Structure formats: structure tokens, C-alpha cells
Amino acid sequence: MAFLIVYVTHASEAEALRVSQEMLQARLCACANIFPIQSLYWWQGALESGQEWVSILKTQHSHWGALRSAIEQTHPYDTPCIMKIEVSANEKYERWIEAHLAALE
């Protein structure tokens, strides 16, 4: 059983924690990892640089649409970065993800 990691950028650690906790409480993901990054990007015609935070949310394919919509509704960025990446892991970990999201099935 493959699953998804959803990569999301945030302006602050507090924002990354808030969004991740909301997604966990809604049972749209089973786990979140949060860490700081340095970002370089184009925004409104100018090259920008700044400190951001990333959350990596682990979920099932069937939860992708609801998770993406929930992040879009709560995220303060005009254009949030919400990327899904299909992954696989050891069987025991994949079963753990499945068990913690089964309530929504």
C-alpha cells in the first residue's frame, strides 16, 4: 500500500504547527513533521529569499482531495505550496498510517 506525503510551506513555526494540528485533528493525516528551511523564489516579479517552515503530512490517496481543500481554506498564503508525493515505506509503518486514518473511510 503506497501512501502520500504532502509537503506544505509556512511563514512561521507557529503557523506550521497550527495547520498541521488542524489536519491531524480532522483525521486528514496520520502524522506531521515540521522543520525550518531557507527559501528562494520569484514573487510578483522579484526574486525573494526568506526563512520558512515546512510541514510534511502523511496520508492516504483517498484523503488527498479533502486534505488539500482543508489546507487551502486555512492557509494564510495567497498561493500556498501544497505538493503531494507518492511514497512507500516499511509495511508496519504503512499499516500504522492506514489504521490511524481508517475512521474516515
PDB file of N, CA and C in Angstrom:
ATOM      1  N   MET A   1       0.839  -1.179   0.000  1.00  0.00           N
ATOM      2  CA  MET A   1       0.000   0.000   0.000  1.00  0.00           C
ATOM      3  C   MET A   1       0.884   1.242   0.000  1.00  0.00           C
ATOM      4  N   ALA A   2       0.911   1.949  -1.091  1.00  0.00           N
ATOM      5  CA  ALA A   2       1.626   3.222  -1.126  1.00  0.00           C
ATOM      6  C   ALA A   2       0.766   4.277  -0.437  1.00  0.00           C
ATOM      7  N   PHE A   3       1.401   5.344   0.006  1.00  0.00           N
ATOM      8  CA  PHE A   3       0.657   6.445   0.620  1.00  0.00           C
ATOM      9  C   PHE A   3       1.256   7.749   0.126  1.00  0.00           C
ATOM     10  N   LEU A   4       0.767   8.861   0.620  1.00  0.00           N
ATOM     11  CA  LEU A   4       1.224  10.169   0.180  1.00  0.00           C
ATOM     12  C   LEU A   4       1.907  10.915   1.308  1.00  0.00           C
ATOM     13  N   ILE A   5       2.939  11.677   0.942  1.00  0.00           N
ATOM     14  CA  ILE A   5       3.394  12.729   1.828  1.00  0.00           C
ATOM     15  C   ILE A   5       2.996  14.034   1.140  1.00  0.00           C
ATOM     16  N   VAL A   6       2.511  14.963   1.933  1.00  0.00           N
ATOM     17  CA  VAL A   6       2.081  16.252   1.414  1.00  0.00           C
ATOM     18  C   VAL A   6       3.000  17.307   2.020  1.00  0.00           C
ATOM     19  N   TYR A   7       3.716  18.000   1.152  1.00  0.00           N
ATOM     20  CA  TYR A   7       4.726  18.990   1.508  1.00  0.00           C
ATOM     21  C   TYR A   7       4.067  20.364   1.456  1.00  0.00           C
ATOM     22  N   VAL A   8       4.113  21.100   2.575  1.00  0.00           N
ATOM     23  CA  VAL A   8       3.457  22.407   2.662  1.00  0.00           C
ATOM     24  C   VAL A   8       4.426  23.402   3.289  1.00  0.00           C
ATOM     25  N   THR A   9       4.560  24.591   2.687  1.00  0.00           N
ATOM     26  CA  THR A   9       5.404  25.623   3.269  1.00  0.00           C
ATOM     27  C   THR A   9       4.560  26.617   4.065  1.00  0.00           C
ATOM     28  N   HIS A  10       5.197  27.200   5.096  1.00  0.00           N
ATOM     29  CA  HIS A  10       4.525  28.133   6.013  1.00  0.00           C
ATOM     30  C   HIS A  10       5.469  29.285   6.353  1.00  0.00           C
ATOM     31  N   ALA A  11       4.899  30.403   6.750  1.00  0.00           N
ATOM     32  CA  ALA A  11       5.690  31.592   7.089  1.00  0.00           C
ATOM     33  C   ALA A  11       6.372  31.482   8.450  1.00  0.00           C
ATOM     34  N   SER A  12       5.826  30.662   9.344  1.00  0.00           N
ATOM     35  CA  SER A  12       6.389  30.576  10.697  1.00  0.00           C
ATOM     36  C   SER A  12       6.188  29.179  11.267  1.00  0.00           C
ATOM     37  N   GLU A  13       6.931  28.907  12.315  1.00  0.00           N
ATOM     38  CA  GLU A  13       6.763  27.629  13.011  1.00  0.00           C
ATOM     39  C   GLU A  13       5.368  27.532  13.609  1.00  0.00           C
ATOM     40  N   ALA A  14       4.894  28.620  14.186  1.00  0.00           N
ATOM     41  CA  ALA A  14       3.556  28.620  14.796  1.00  0.00           C
ATOM     42  C   ALA A  14       2.488  28.302  13.762  1.00  0.00           C
ATOM     43  N   GLU A  15       2.621  28.852  12.573  1.00  0.00           N
ATOM     44  CA  GLU A  15       1.641  28.597  11.509  1.00  0.00           C
ATOM     45  C   GLU A  15       1.705  27.141  11.048  1.00  0.00           C
ATOM     46  N   ALA A  16       2.914  26.611  10.905  1.00  0.00           N
ATOM     47  CA  ALA A  16       3.069  25.208  10.512  1.00  0.00           C
ATOM     48  C   ALA A  16       2.448  24.284  11.563  1.00  0.00           C
ATOM     49  N   LEU A  17       2.664  24.595  12.835  1.00  0.00           N
ATOM     50  CA  LEU A  17       2.067  23.799  13.909  1.00  0.00           C
ATOM     51  C   LEU A  17       0.542  23.896  13.891  1.00  0.00           C
ATOM     52  N   ARG A  18       0.012  25.097  13.707  1.00  0.00           N
ATOM     53  CA  ARG A  18      -1.442  25.288  13.707  1.00  0.00           C
ATOM     54  C   ARG A  18      -2.109  24.505  12.579  1.00  0.00           C
ATOM     55  N   VAL A  19      -1.584  24.653  11.364  1.00  0.00           N
ATOM     56  CA  VAL A  19      -2.164  23.962  10.215  1.00  0.00           C
ATOM     57  C   VAL A  19      -2.041  22.453  10.390  1.00  0.00           C
ATOM     58  N   SER A  20      -0.876  21.984  10.805  1.00  0.00           N
ATOM     59  CA  SER A  20      -0.666  20.542  10.986  1.00  0.00           C
ATOM     60  C   SER A  20      -1.598  19.972  12.045  1.00  0.00           C
ATOM     61  N   GLN A  21      -1.741  20.670  13.154  1.00  0.00           N
ATOM     62  CA  GLN A  21      -2.634  20.197  14.212  1.00  0.00           C
ATOM     63  C   GLN A  21      -4.082  20.140  13.737  1.00  0.00           C
ATOM     64  N   GLU A  22      -4.503  21.126  12.960  1.00  0.00           N
ATOM     65  CA  GLU A  22      -5.865  21.114  12.430  1.00  0.00           C
ATOM     66  C   GLU A  22      -6.086  19.909  11.515  1.00  0.00           C
ATOM     67  N   MET A  23      -5.095  19.594  10.685  1.00  0.00           N
ATOM     68  CA  MET A  23      -5.231  18.458   9.769  1.00  0.00           C
ATOM     69  C   MET A  23      -5.234  17.139  10.540  1.00  0.00           C
ATOM     70  N   LEU A  24      -4.417  17.054  11.590  1.00  0.00           N
ATOM     71  CA  LEU A  24      -4.405  15.851  12.427  1.00  0.00           C
ATOM     72  C   LEU A  24      -5.722  15.687  13.172  1.00  0.00           C
ATOM     73  N   GLN A  25      -6.234  16.762  13.747  1.00  0.00           N
ATOM     74  CA  GLN A  25      -7.499  16.680  14.490  1.00  0.00           C
ATOM     75  C   GLN A  25      -8.663  16.313  13.586  1.00  0.00           C
ATOM     76  N   ALA A  26      -8.604  16.723  12.325  1.00  0.00           N
ATOM     77  CA  ALA A  26      -9.650  16.361  11.361  1.00  0.00           C
ATOM     78  C   ALA A  26      -9.449  14.953  10.808  1.00  0.00           C
ATOM     79  N   ARG A  27      -8.376  14.282  11.228  1.00  0.00           N
ATOM     80  CA  ARG A  27      -8.033  12.930  10.762  1.00  0.00           C
ATOM     81  C   ARG A  27      -7.796  12.877   9.263  1.00  0.00           C
ATOM     82  N   LEU A  28      -7.251  13.978   8.709  1.00  0.00           N
ATOM     83  CA  LEU A  28      -6.920  14.020   7.292  1.00  0.00           C
ATOM     84  C   LEU A  28      -5.491  13.548   7.043  1.00  0.00           C
ATOM     85  N   CYS A  29      -4.700  13.469   8.102  1.00  0.00           N
ATOM     86  CA  CYS A  29      -3.353  12.913   8.020  1.00  0.00           C
ATOM     87  C   CYS A  29      -3.086  12.159   9.321  1.00  0.00           C
ATOM     88  N   ALA A  30      -2.104  11.260   9.258  1.00  0.00           N
ATOM     89  CA  ALA A  30      -1.778  10.438  10.423  1.00  0.00           C
ATOM     90  C   ALA A  30      -0.585  10.969  11.194  1.00  0.00           C
ATOM     91  N   CYS A  31       0.213  11.815  10.557  1.00  0.00           N
ATOM     92  CA  CYS A  31       1.463  12.265  11.156  1.00  0.00           C
ATOM     93  C   CYS A  31       1.915  13.537  10.459  1.00  0.00           C
ATOM     94  N   ALA A  32       2.631  14.383  11.185  1.00  0.00           N
ATOM     95  CA  ALA A  32       3.215  15.591  10.584  1.00  0.00           C
ATOM     96  C   ALA A  32       4.631  15.775  11.115  1.00  0.00           C
ATOM     97  N   ASN A  33       5.542  16.150  10.224  1.00  0.00           N
ATOM     98  CA  ASN A  33       6.898  16.546  10.592  1.00  0.00           C
ATOM     99  C   ASN A  33       7.047  18.009  10.206  1.00  0.00           C
ATOM    100  N   ILE A  34       7.713  18.787  11.053  1.00  0.00           N
ATOM    101  CA  ILE A  34       7.853  20.218  10.825  1.00  0.00           C
ATOM    102  C   ILE A  34       9.318  20.596  10.993  1.00  0.00           C
ATOM    103  N   PHE A  35       9.845  21.380  10.039  1.00  0.00           N
ATOM    104  CA  PHE A  35      11.234  21.804  10.133  1.00  0.00           C
ATOM    105  C   PHE A  35      11.459  23.106   9.379  1.00  0.00           C
ATOM    106  N   PRO A  36      12.516  23.873   9.764  1.00  0.00           N
ATOM    107  CA  PRO A  36      12.803  25.146   9.098  1.00  0.00           C
ATOM    108  C   PRO A  36      13.544  24.936   7.782  1.00  0.00           C
ATOM    109  N   ILE A  37      13.328  25.867   6.851  1.00  0.00           N
ATOM    110  CA  ILE A  37      14.037  25.852   5.570  1.00  0.00           C
ATOM    111  C   ILE A  37      14.381  27.284   5.162  1.00  0.00           C
ATOM    112  N   GLN A  38      15.310  27.425   4.257  1.00  0.00           N
ATOM    113  CA  GLN A  38      15.610  28.697   3.613  1.00  0.00           C
ATOM    114  C   GLN A  38      15.032  28.616   2.206  1.00  0.00           C
ATOM    115  N   SER A  39      14.196  29.570   1.815  1.00  0.00           N
ATOM    116  CA  SER A  39      13.537  29.539   0.515  1.00  0.00           C
ATOM    117  C   SER A  39      14.001  30.676  -0.373  1.00  0.00           C
ATOM    118  N   LEU A  40      14.146  30.381  -1.656  1.00  0.00           N
ATOM    119  CA  LEU A  40      14.406  31.357  -2.708  1.00  0.00           C
ATOM    120  C   LEU A  40      13.306  31.162  -3.742  1.00  0.00           C
ATOM    121  N   TYR A  41      12.659  32.251  -4.174  1.00  0.00           N
ATOM    122  CA  TYR A  41      11.530  32.108  -5.088  1.00  0.00           C
ATOM    123  C   TYR A  41      11.195  33.440  -5.756  1.00  0.00           C
ATOM    124  N   TRP A  42      10.523  33.346  -6.887  1.00  0.00           N
ATOM    125  CA  TRP A  42      10.006  34.528  -7.563  1.00  0.00           C
ATOM    126  C   TRP A  42       8.650  34.868  -6.997  1.00  0.00           C
ATOM    127  N   TRP A  43       8.426  36.142  -6.684  1.00  0.00           N
ATOM    128  CA  TRP A  43       7.118  36.595  -6.206  1.00  0.00           C
ATOM    129  C   TRP A  43       6.876  38.007  -6.719  1.00  0.00           C
ATOM    130  N   GLN A  44       5.825  38.161  -7.483  1.00  0.00           N
ATOM    131  CA  GLN A  44       5.415  39.451  -8.043  1.00  0.00           C
ATOM    132  C   GLN A  44       6.572  40.150  -8.762  1.00  0.00           C
ATOM    133  N   GLY A  45       7.281  39.372  -9.579  1.00  0.00           N
ATOM    134  CA  GLY A  45       8.334  39.910 -10.421  1.00  0.00           C
ATOM    135  C   GLY A  45       9.685  40.103  -9.761  1.00  0.00           C
ATOM    136  N   ALA A  46       9.820  39.779  -8.503  1.00  0.00           N
ATOM    137  CA  ALA A  46      11.088  39.972  -7.797  1.00  0.00           C
ATOM    138  C   ALA A  46      11.568  38.654  -7.202  1.00  0.00           C
ATOM    139  N   LEU A  47      12.865  38.486  -7.166  1.00  0.00           N
ATOM    140  CA  LEU A  47      13.454  37.315  -6.529  1.00  0.00           C
ATOM    141  C   LEU A  47      13.469  37.542  -5.022  1.00  0.00           C
ATOM    142  N   GLU A  48      12.844  36.649  -4.298  1.00  0.00           N
ATOM    143  CA  GLU A  48      12.714  36.767  -2.842  1.00  0.00           C
ATOM    144  C   GLU A  48      13.540  35.683  -2.161  1.00  0.00           C
ATOM    145  N   SER A  49      13.875  35.925  -0.914  1.00  0.00           N
ATOM    146  CA  SER A  49      14.596  34.968  -0.086  1.00  0.00           C
ATOM    147  C   SER A  49      14.078  35.110   1.338  1.00  0.00           C
ATOM    148  N   GLY A  50      13.907  34.005   2.017  1.00  0.00           N
ATOM    149  CA  GLY A  50      13.457  34.120   3.390  1.00  0.00           C
ATOM    150  C   GLY A  50      13.379  32.784   4.091  1.00  0.00           C
ATOM    151  N   GLN A  51      13.227  32.871   5.389  1.00  0.00           N
ATOM    152  CA  GLN A  51      13.064  31.700   6.240  1.00  0.00           C
ATOM    153  C   GLN A  51      11.601  31.262   6.176  1.00  0.00           C
ATOM    154  N   GLU A  52      11.382  29.984   5.963  1.00  0.00           N
ATOM    155  CA  GLU A  52      10.044  29.407   6.010  1.00  0.00           C
ATOM    156  C   GLU A  52      10.110  28.132   6.843  1.00  0.00           C
ATOM    157  N   TRP A  53       8.950  27.547   7.049  1.00  0.00           N
ATOM    158  CA  TRP A  53       8.829  26.266   7.736  1.00  0.00           C
ATOM    159  C   TRP A  53       8.070  25.321   6.826  1.00  0.00           C
ATOM    160  N   VAL A  54       8.434  24.059   6.877  1.00  0.00           N
ATOM    161  CA  VAL A  54       7.773  23.031   6.073  1.00  0.00           C
ATOM    162  C   VAL A  54       7.084  22.050   6.997  1.00  0.00           C
ATOM    163  N   SER A  55       5.881  21.656   6.594  1.00  0.00           N
ATOM    164  CA  SER A  55       5.254  20.506   7.244  1.00  0.00           C
ATOM    165  C   SER A  55       5.136  19.409   6.194  1.00  0.00           C
ATOM    166  N   ILE A  56       5.442  18.203   6.601  1.00  0.00           N
ATOM    167  CA  ILE A  56       5.253  17.025   5.764  1.00  0.00           C
ATOM    168  C   ILE A  56       4.177  16.195   6.448  1.00  0.00           C
ATOM    169  N   LEU A  57       3.041  16.071   5.768  1.00  0.00           N
ATOM    170  CA  LEU A  57       1.883  15.360   6.302  1.00  0.00           C
ATOM    171  C   LEU A  57       1.770  14.021   5.602  1.00  0.00           C
ATOM    172  N   LYS A  58       1.558  12.960   6.372  1.00  0.00           N
ATOM    173  CA  LYS A  58       1.445  11.623   5.794  1.00  0.00           C
ATOM    174  C   LYS A  58      -0.018  11.209   5.772  1.00  0.00           C
ATOM    175  N   THR A  59      -0.484  10.788   4.585  1.00  0.00           N
ATOM    176  CA  THR A  59      -1.894  10.465   4.417  1.00  0.00           C
ATOM    177  C   THR A  59      -2.084   9.400   3.343  1.00  0.00           C
ATOM    178  N   GLN A  60      -3.318   8.986   3.152  1.00  0.00           N
ATOM    179  CA  GLN A  60      -3.663   8.017   2.118  1.00  0.00           C
ATOM    180  C   GLN A  60      -4.165   8.745   0.875  1.00  0.00           C
ATOM    181  N   HIS A  61      -4.110   8.059  -0.261  1.00  0.00           N
ATOM    182  CA  HIS A  61      -4.592   8.631  -1.523  1.00  0.00           C
ATOM    183  C   HIS A  61      -6.034   9.120  -1.396  1.00  0.00           C
ATOM    184  N   SER A  62      -6.859   8.366  -0.713  1.00  0.00           N
ATOM    185  CA  SER A  62      -8.278   8.707  -0.611  1.00  0.00           C
ATOM    186  C   SER A  62      -8.528   9.993   0.169  1.00  0.00           C
ATOM    187  N   HIS A  63      -7.540  10.472   0.913  1.00  0.00           N
ATOM    188  CA  HIS A  63      -7.699  11.684   1.717  1.00  0.00           C
ATOM    189  C   HIS A  63      -7.113  12.931   1.036  1.00  0.00           C
ATOM    190  N   TRP A  64      -6.457  12.750  -0.112  1.00  0.00           N
ATOM    191  CA  TRP A  64      -5.759  13.844  -0.771  1.00  0.00           C
ATOM    192  C   TRP A  64      -6.665  15.051  -1.041  1.00  0.00           C
ATOM    193  N   GLY A  65      -7.807  14.844  -1.665  1.00  0.00           N
ATOM    194  CA  GLY A  65      -8.682  15.956  -2.018  1.00  0.00           C
ATOM    195  C   GLY A  65      -9.163  16.730  -0.805  1.00  0.00           C
ATOM    196  N   ALA A  66      -9.597  16.028   0.217  1.00  0.00           N
ATOM    197  CA  ALA A  66     -10.084  16.686   1.434  1.00  0.00           C
ATOM    198  C   ALA A  66      -8.951  17.394   2.164  1.00  0.00           C
ATOM    199  N   LEU A  67      -7.776  16.783   2.211  1.00  0.00           N
ATOM    200  CA  LEU A  67      -6.622  17.402   2.873  1.00  0.00           C
ATOM    201  C   LEU A  67      -6.199  18.670   2.138  1.00  0.00           C
ATOM    202  N   ARG A  68      -6.071  18.591   0.826  1.00  0.00           N
ATOM    203  CA  ARG A  68      -5.689  19.763   0.034  1.00  0.00           C
ATOM    204  C   ARG A  68      -6.688  20.900   0.230  1.00  0.00           C
ATOM    205  N   SER A  69      -7.975  20.603   0.156  1.00  0.00           N
ATOM    206  CA  SER A  69      -9.004  21.629   0.338  1.00  0.00           C
ATOM    207  C   SER A  69      -8.940  22.252   1.725  1.00  0.00           C
ATOM    208  N   ALA A  70      -8.748  21.436   2.745  1.00  0.00           N
ATOM    209  CA  ALA A  70      -8.682  21.945   4.120  1.00  0.00           C
ATOM    210  C   ALA A  70      -7.468  22.848   4.309  1.00  0.00           C
ATOM    211  N   ILE A  71      -6.326  22.470   3.732  1.00  0.00           N
ATOM    212  CA  ILE A  71      -5.136  23.316   3.836  1.00  0.00           C
ATOM    213  C   ILE A  71      -5.380  24.636   3.113  1.00  0.00           C
ATOM    214  N   GLU A  72      -5.939  24.576   1.912  1.00  0.00           N
ATOM    215  CA  GLU A  72      -6.207  25.799   1.152  1.00  0.00           C
ATOM    216  C   GLU A  72      -7.135  26.746   1.923  1.00  0.00           C
ATOM    217  N   GLN A  73      -8.098  26.196   2.632  1.00  0.00           N
ATOM    218  CA  GLN A  73      -9.055  27.023   3.377  1.00  0.00           C
ATOM    219  C   GLN A  73      -8.427  27.685   4.596  1.00  0.00           C
ATOM    220  N   THR A  74      -7.458  27.043   5.213  1.00  0.00           N
ATOM    221  CA  THR A  74      -6.887  27.564   6.462  1.00  0.00           C
ATOM    222  C   THR A  74      -5.539  28.262   6.280  1.00  0.00           C
ATOM    223  N   HIS A  75      -4.870  28.050   5.156  1.00  0.00           N
ATOM    224  CA  HIS A  75      -3.524  28.587   4.941  1.00  0.00           C
ATOM    225  C   HIS A  75      -3.592  30.079   4.621  1.00  0.00           C
ATOM    226  N   PRO A  76      -2.732  30.893   5.251  1.00  0.00           N
ATOM    227  CA  PRO A  76      -2.789  32.343   5.023  1.00  0.00           C
ATOM    228  C   PRO A  76      -2.127  32.829   3.727  1.00  0.00           C
ATOM    229  N   TYR A  77      -1.291  32.011   3.061  1.00  0.00           N
ATOM    230  CA  TYR A  77      -0.633  32.449   1.828  1.00  0.00           C
ATOM    231  C   TYR A  77      -1.663  32.629   0.714  1.00  0.00           C
ATOM    232  N   ASP A  78      -1.444  33.612  -0.162  1.00  0.00           N
ATOM    233  CA  ASP A  78      -2.266  33.770  -1.365  1.00  0.00           C
ATOM    234  C   ASP A  78      -2.105  32.568  -2.282  1.00  0.00           C
ATOM    235  N   THR A  79      -0.869  32.075  -2.373  1.00  0.00           N
ATOM    236  CA  THR A  79      -0.549  30.940  -3.232  1.00  0.00           C
ATOM    237  C   THR A  79       0.253  29.930  -2.418  1.00  0.00           C
ATOM    238  N   PRO A  80      -0.431  29.116  -1.620  1.00  0.00           N
ATOM    239  CA  PRO A  80       0.324  28.164  -0.795  1.00  0.00           C
ATOM    240  C   PRO A  80       0.947  27.051  -1.636  1.00  0.00           C
ATOM    241  N   CYS A  81       2.091  26.580  -1.180  1.00  0.00           N
ATOM    242  CA  CYS A  81       2.745  25.423  -1.794  1.00  0.00           C
ATOM    243  C   CYS A  81       2.189  24.174  -1.113  1.00  0.00           C
ATOM    244  N   ILE A  82       1.427  23.382  -1.859  1.00  0.00           N
ATOM    245  CA  ILE A  82       0.854  22.132  -1.348  1.00  0.00           C
ATOM    246  C   ILE A  82       1.169  21.064  -2.389  1.00  0.00           C
ATOM    247  N   MET A  83       2.172  20.250  -2.125  1.00  0.00           N
ATOM    248  CA  MET A  83       2.598  19.243  -3.095  1.00  0.00           C
ATOM    249  C   MET A  83       2.372  17.847  -2.546  1.00  0.00           C
ATOM    250  N   LYS A  84       1.852  16.960  -3.388  1.00  0.00           N
ATOM    251  CA  LYS A  84       1.708  15.561  -2.977  1.00  0.00           C
ATOM    252  C   LYS A  84       2.787  14.730  -3.660  1.00  0.00           C
ATOM    253  N   ILE A  85       3.318  13.802  -2.893  1.00  0.00           N
ATOM    254  CA  ILE A  85       4.360  12.910  -3.382  1.00  0.00           C
ATOM    255  C   ILE A  85       3.989  11.495  -2.954  1.00  0.00           C
ATOM    256  N   GLU A  86       3.884  10.597  -3.926  1.00  0.00           N
ATOM    257  CA  GLU A  86       3.576   9.209  -3.589  1.00  0.00           C
ATOM    258  C   GLU A  86       4.837   8.526  -3.089  1.00  0.00           C
ATOM    259  N   VAL A  87       4.694   7.812  -1.983  1.00  0.00           N
ATOM    260  CA  VAL A  87       5.822   7.122  -1.374  1.00  0.00           C
ATOM    261  C   VAL A  87       5.387   5.736  -0.916  1.00  0.00           C
ATOM    262  N   SER A  88       6.356   4.938  -0.581  1.00  0.00           N
ATOM    263  CA  SER A  88       6.085   3.672   0.093  1.00  0.00           C
ATOM    264  C   SER A  88       7.080   3.557   1.235  1.00  0.00           C
ATOM    265  N   ALA A  89       6.730   2.748   2.212  1.00  0.00           N
ATOM    266  CA  ALA A  89       7.569   2.585   3.398  1.00  0.00           C
ATOM    267  C   ALA A  89       7.514   1.130   3.837  1.00  0.00           C
ATOM    268  N   ASN A  90       8.136   0.867   4.961  1.00  0.00           N
ATOM    269  CA  ASN A  90       8.047  -0.476   5.505  1.00  0.00           C
ATOM    270  C   ASN A  90       6.585  -0.794   5.828  1.00  0.00           C
ATOM    271  N   GLU A  91       6.252  -2.058   5.703  1.00  0.00           N
ATOM    272  CA  GLU A  91       4.860  -2.499   5.825  1.00  0.00           C
ATOM    273  C   GLU A  91       4.232  -2.100   7.158  1.00  0.00           C
ATOM    274  N   LYS A  92       4.963  -2.233   8.237  1.00  0.00           N
ATOM    275  CA  LYS A  92       4.432  -1.908   9.560  1.00  0.00           C
ATOM    276  C   LYS A  92       4.043  -0.429   9.652  1.00  0.00           C
ATOM    277  N   TYR A  93       4.876   0.447   9.094  1.00  0.00           N
ATOM    278  CA  TYR A  93       4.572   1.882   9.120  1.00  0.00           C
ATOM    279  C   TYR A  93       3.360   2.199   8.236  1.00  0.00           C
ATOM    280  N   GLU A  94       3.281   1.592   7.083  1.00  0.00           N
ATOM    281  CA  GLU A  94       2.131   1.815   6.205  1.00  0.00           C
ATOM    282  C   GLU A  94       0.837   1.354   6.872  1.00  0.00           C
ATOM    283  N   ARG A  95       0.880   0.245   7.578  1.00  0.00           N
ATOM    284  CA  ARG A  95      -0.314  -0.227   8.308  1.00  0.00           C
ATOM    285  C   ARG A  95      -0.684   0.749   9.420  1.00  0.00           C
ATOM    286  N   TRP A  96       0.308   1.348  10.071  1.00  0.00           N
ATOM    287  CA  TRP A  96       0.049   2.333  11.117  1.00  0.00           C
ATOM    288  C   TRP A  96      -0.691   3.548  10.535  1.00  0.00           C
ATOM    289  N   ILE A  97      -0.231   4.036   9.391  1.00  0.00           N
ATOM    290  CA  ILE A  97      -0.921   5.163   8.726  1.00  0.00           C
ATOM    291  C   ILE A  97      -2.357   4.773   8.393  1.00  0.00           C
ATOM    292  N   GLU A  98      -2.515   3.618   7.805  1.00  0.00           N
ATOM    293  CA  GLU A  98      -3.857   3.153   7.434  1.00  0.00           C
ATOM    294  C   GLU A  98      -4.773   3.049   8.659  1.00  0.00           C
ATOM    295  N   ALA A  99      -4.259   2.522   9.747  1.00  0.00           N
ATOM    296  CA  ALA A  99      -5.067   2.358  10.972  1.00  0.00           C
ATOM    297  C   ALA A  99      -5.505   3.688  11.558  1.00  0.00           C
ATOM    298  N   HIS A 100      -4.653   4.697  11.474  1.00  0.00           N
ATOM    299  CA  HIS A 100      -4.985   5.983  12.073  1.00  0.00           C
ATOM    300  C   HIS A 100      -5.871   6.850  11.187  1.00  0.00           C
ATOM    301  N   LEU A 101      -6.074   6.434   9.961  1.00  0.00           N
ATOM    302  CA  LEU A 101      -6.968   7.167   9.079  1.00  0.00           C
ATOM    303  C   LEU A 101      -8.233   6.385   8.765  1.00  0.00           C
ATOM    304  N   ALA A 102      -8.342   5.185   9.264  1.00  0.00           N
ATOM    305  CA  ALA A 102      -9.482   4.322   8.959  1.00  0.00           C
ATOM    306  C   ALA A 102     -10.815   4.909   9.391  1.00  0.00           C
ATOM    307  N   ALA A 103     -10.791   5.764  10.394  1.00  0.00           N
ATOM    308  CA  ALA A 103     -12.034   6.343  10.903  1.00  0.00           C
ATOM    309  C   ALA A 103     -12.769   7.155   9.846  1.00  0.00           C
ATOM    310  N   LEU A 104     -12.062   7.655   8.840  1.00  0.00           N
ATOM    311  CA  LEU A 104     -12.702   8.461   7.797  1.00  0.00           C
ATOM    312  C   LEU A 104     -13.220   7.631   6.628  1.00  0.00           C
ATOM    313  N   GLU A 105     -12.805   6.398   6.545  1.00  0.00           N
ATOM    314  CA  GLU A 105     -13.194   5.567   5.405  1.00  0.00           C
ATOM    315  C   GLU A 105     -14.654   5.232   5.427  1.00  0.00           C
TER     316      GLU A 105
END
